[in-house]
Amino acid sequence: MTARAHALGLRAGFYQNNCICRESNPAGVYYSDAEVAAHYHGDVQDLMTFGFDSVKIDNCGMFKDLERYQRVMNATGRYFNIENCHWGETVPTHDWCPFSFYRTSGDINNQWDRMFANLQTLYKFTTGQDPLSRPGCWAYADMLEVIVPEPEPEPEPEP
C-alpha cells in the first residue's frame, strides 16, 4: 500500500492509539522500563518496515509520550511527520514541540455547534505577536465530518 502511494507521489500515514481497540492497562499491570522502551521502538520500527512517512498518535491507550516517540524516530535518521491528536490536552510551548502539528479540539460530529466550537479552539494558538501555531508546529481543529446524517426519527405508533 505505501509503495503504491509513493509511486503516485503521495505520502502514507499510519494511525495509532485509536480509541476503538486501545491498548489499555485495566488490571494495572506493571511494565518494566525495558518493556515500555521495546514498545516505542517496535512502533517506530513498524513505521519504517511498512514504509510510512507520518503517524497520527491519538490520545487513547498507554503509549502516548510524543516526545519519546520523536526521540526514537529521530534516532532512525528518517524524518516522520508526527500528528499529535491529544484533543488539545498536549500543546506546545514556544520552545517545545515534539510533533509536526497538533489537534486543538475534541472530535467533530455532525452538529453545527460542535463544528463551530472546534473552530474556536484555534483562536488562542493562532493570534497574538508570537502564536504557538507556526511552521513545523501547526495547530488544527478537527473539522472533517463526511456524510453522517441525522438518525431518522422512530415512526409514531399507530393508535
Protein backbone atom coordinates (compact mmCIF):
# COMPACT_ATOMS: atom_id res chain seq x y z
CA MET A 1 0.00 0.00 0.00
CA THR A 2 2.68 2.53 0.95
CA ALA A 3 4.75 1.61 -2.12
CA ARG A 4 1.73 2.37 -4.31
CA ALA A 5 1.18 5.70 -2.57
CA HIS A 6 4.85 6.59 -3.05
CA ALA A 7 4.69 5.57 -6.74
CA LEU A 8 1.83 8.06 -7.13
CA GLY A 9 3.91 10.80 -5.46
CA LEU A 10 1.91 10.61 -2.24
CA ARG A 11 2.96 10.14 1.35
CA ALA A 12 1.40 7.48 3.57
CA GLY A 13 0.48 7.85 7.21
CA PHE A 14 -0.45 5.44 9.98
CA TYR A 15 -2.95 5.93 12.82
CA GLN A 16 -2.05 4.52 16.22
CA ASN A 17 -3.50 4.57 19.72
CA ASN A 18 -7.00 4.63 18.28
CA CYS A 19 -9.83 4.62 20.76
CA ILE A 20 -11.70 1.60 19.40
CA CYS A 21 -9.05 -1.05 20.02
CA ARG A 22 -6.99 0.84 22.56
CA GLU A 23 -4.04 -0.67 24.33
CA SER A 24 -5.06 -0.11 27.89
CA ASN A 25 -3.97 -1.50 31.19
CA PRO A 26 -7.15 -2.01 33.23
CA ALA A 27 -5.52 -4.51 35.58
CA GLY A 28 -2.72 -2.10 36.49
CA VAL A 29 -0.01 -4.46 35.28
CA TYR A 30 3.46 -3.03 35.79
CA TYR A 31 5.63 -2.93 32.69
CA SER A 32 9.38 -2.65 33.10
CA ASP A 33 11.24 0.26 31.54
CA ALA A 34 12.72 -2.21 29.05
CA GLU A 35 9.23 -3.44 28.02
CA VAL A 36 7.96 0.11 27.57
CA ALA A 37 11.05 1.08 25.56
CA ALA A 38 10.59 -2.02 23.40
CA HIS A 39 7.03 -0.93 22.65
CA TYR A 40 8.05 2.56 21.49
CA HIS A 41 10.95 1.18 19.45
CA GLY A 42 8.72 -1.52 17.97
CA ASP A 43 6.10 1.04 16.88
CA VAL A 44 8.75 3.11 15.12
CA GLN A 45 10.36 0.05 13.57
CA ASP A 46 6.96 -0.94 12.17
CA LEU A 47 6.52 2.53 10.64
CA MET A 48 9.85 2.09 8.89
CA THR A 49 9.28 -1.55 7.89
CA PHE A 50 5.92 -0.78 6.31
CA GLY A 51 7.15 2.44 4.65
CA PHE A 52 5.01 5.00 6.42
CA ASP A 53 6.02 8.67 6.28
CA SER A 54 3.87 10.00 9.08
CA VAL A 55 1.90 8.90 12.10
CA LYS A 56 -1.19 10.20 13.89
CA ILE A 57 -0.89 9.43 17.60
CA ASP A 58 -4.29 9.51 19.26
CA ASN A 59 -4.90 10.05 22.97
CA CYS A 60 -6.06 6.52 23.80
CA GLY A 61 -4.05 3.66 25.18
CA MET A 62 -0.93 3.61 27.31
CA PHE A 63 1.75 4.73 24.86
CA LYS A 64 1.23 8.42 24.16
CA ASP A 65 4.54 10.06 25.07
CA LEU A 66 5.01 12.24 21.98
CA GLU A 67 8.47 13.42 22.99
CA ARG A 68 9.64 9.84 23.42
CA TYR A 69 8.24 8.88 20.01
CA GLN A 70 10.04 11.86 18.47
CA ARG A 71 13.37 10.86 20.06
CA VAL A 72 13.04 7.26 18.82
CA MET A 73 12.03 8.44 15.34
CA ASN A 74 14.87 10.95 15.14
CA ALA A 75 17.36 8.23 16.11
CA THR A 76 16.44 6.36 12.90
CA GLY A 77 17.78 9.21 10.78
CA ARG A 78 14.47 9.29 8.91
CA TYR A 79 12.00 12.17 9.15
CA PHE A 80 8.40 11.41 10.13
CA ASN A 81 5.52 13.87 10.35
CA ILE A 82 4.01 13.41 13.79
CA GLU A 83 0.39 14.37 14.34
CA ASN A 84 -0.50 14.99 17.96
CA CYS A 85 -4.15 14.04 18.34
CA HIS A 86 -4.39 14.58 22.08
CA TRP A 87 -7.58 16.69 21.79
CA GLY A 88 -5.96 19.93 22.90
CA GLU A 89 -4.57 18.37 26.08
CA THR A 90 -0.91 18.27 24.94
CA VAL A 91 0.01 21.57 23.34
CA PRO A 92 3.37 23.11 22.51
CA THR A 93 5.23 25.94 24.15
CA HIS A 94 7.42 28.41 22.30
CA ASP A 95 10.46 26.21 22.89
CA TRP A 96 8.92 22.70 22.94
CA CYS A 97 7.03 20.99 20.11
CA PRO A 98 7.91 17.32 19.51
CA PHE A 99 5.28 16.98 16.76
CA SER A 100 4.59 18.47 13.33
CA PHE A 101 1.01 19.51 14.01
CA TYR A 102 -1.44 19.21 16.86
CA ARG A 103 -5.17 19.00 17.46
CA THR A 104 -6.67 21.83 19.47
CA SER A 105 -10.14 20.34 19.84
CA GLY A 106 -12.06 17.19 20.58
CA ASP A 107 -13.61 15.08 17.86
CA ILE A 108 -16.01 16.63 15.39
CA ASN A 109 -19.56 15.39 14.93
CA ASN A 110 -22.45 16.31 12.65
CA GLN A 111 -23.71 19.18 14.81
CA TRP A 112 -23.19 22.81 13.77
CA ASP A 113 -22.43 23.87 17.36
CA ARG A 114 -19.65 21.27 17.65
CA MET A 115 -18.05 22.37 14.38
CA PHE A 116 -18.14 25.98 15.48
CA ALA A 117 -16.81 25.17 18.97
CA ASN A 118 -13.94 23.15 17.46
CA LEU A 119 -13.07 26.03 15.14
CA GLN A 120 -12.95 28.43 18.08
CA THR A 121 -10.25 26.35 19.82
CA LEU A 122 -7.76 27.57 17.20
CA TYR A 123 -8.01 31.20 18.31
CA LYS A 124 -5.61 31.12 21.25
CA PHE A 125 -2.97 29.25 19.19
CA THR A 126 -3.10 31.47 16.10
CA THR A 127 -3.34 35.02 17.43
CA GLY A 128 -1.03 37.47 19.11
CA GLN A 129 2.50 38.63 18.41
CA ASP A 130 4.09 35.19 18.76
CA PRO A 131 1.47 32.49 18.14
CA LEU A 132 2.11 28.90 19.16
CA SER A 133 0.91 27.70 15.74
CA ARG A 134 3.87 28.17 13.42
CA PRO A 135 5.80 26.44 10.64
CA GLY A 136 6.77 22.97 11.82
CA CYS A 137 4.25 23.06 14.67
CA TRP A 138 0.82 23.80 13.19
CA ALA A 139 -2.42 23.88 15.17
CA TYR A 140 -5.60 22.44 13.67
CA ALA A 141 -9.14 21.75 14.84
CA ASP A 142 -10.93 18.54 13.96
CA MET A 143 -13.23 19.77 11.19
CA LEU A 144 -13.89 16.95 8.71
CA GLU A 145 -17.18 15.13 9.06
CA VAL A 146 -18.33 13.42 5.89
CA ILE A 147 -21.93 12.41 5.23
CA VAL A 148 -23.11 11.44 8.68
CA PRO A 149 -26.86 12.00 8.51
CA GLU A 150 -29.05 12.63 11.47
CA PRO A 151 -30.72 9.43 12.61
CA GLU A 152 -34.20 9.01 11.21
CA PRO A 153 -36.91 9.55 13.82
CA GLU A 154 -38.74 6.49 15.02
CA PRO A 155 -42.15 6.14 13.40
CA GLU A 156 -45.10 7.07 15.55
CA PRO A 157 -47.01 4.02 16.80
CA GLU A 158 -50.38 3.59 15.21
CA PRO A 159 -53.33 4.28 17.53
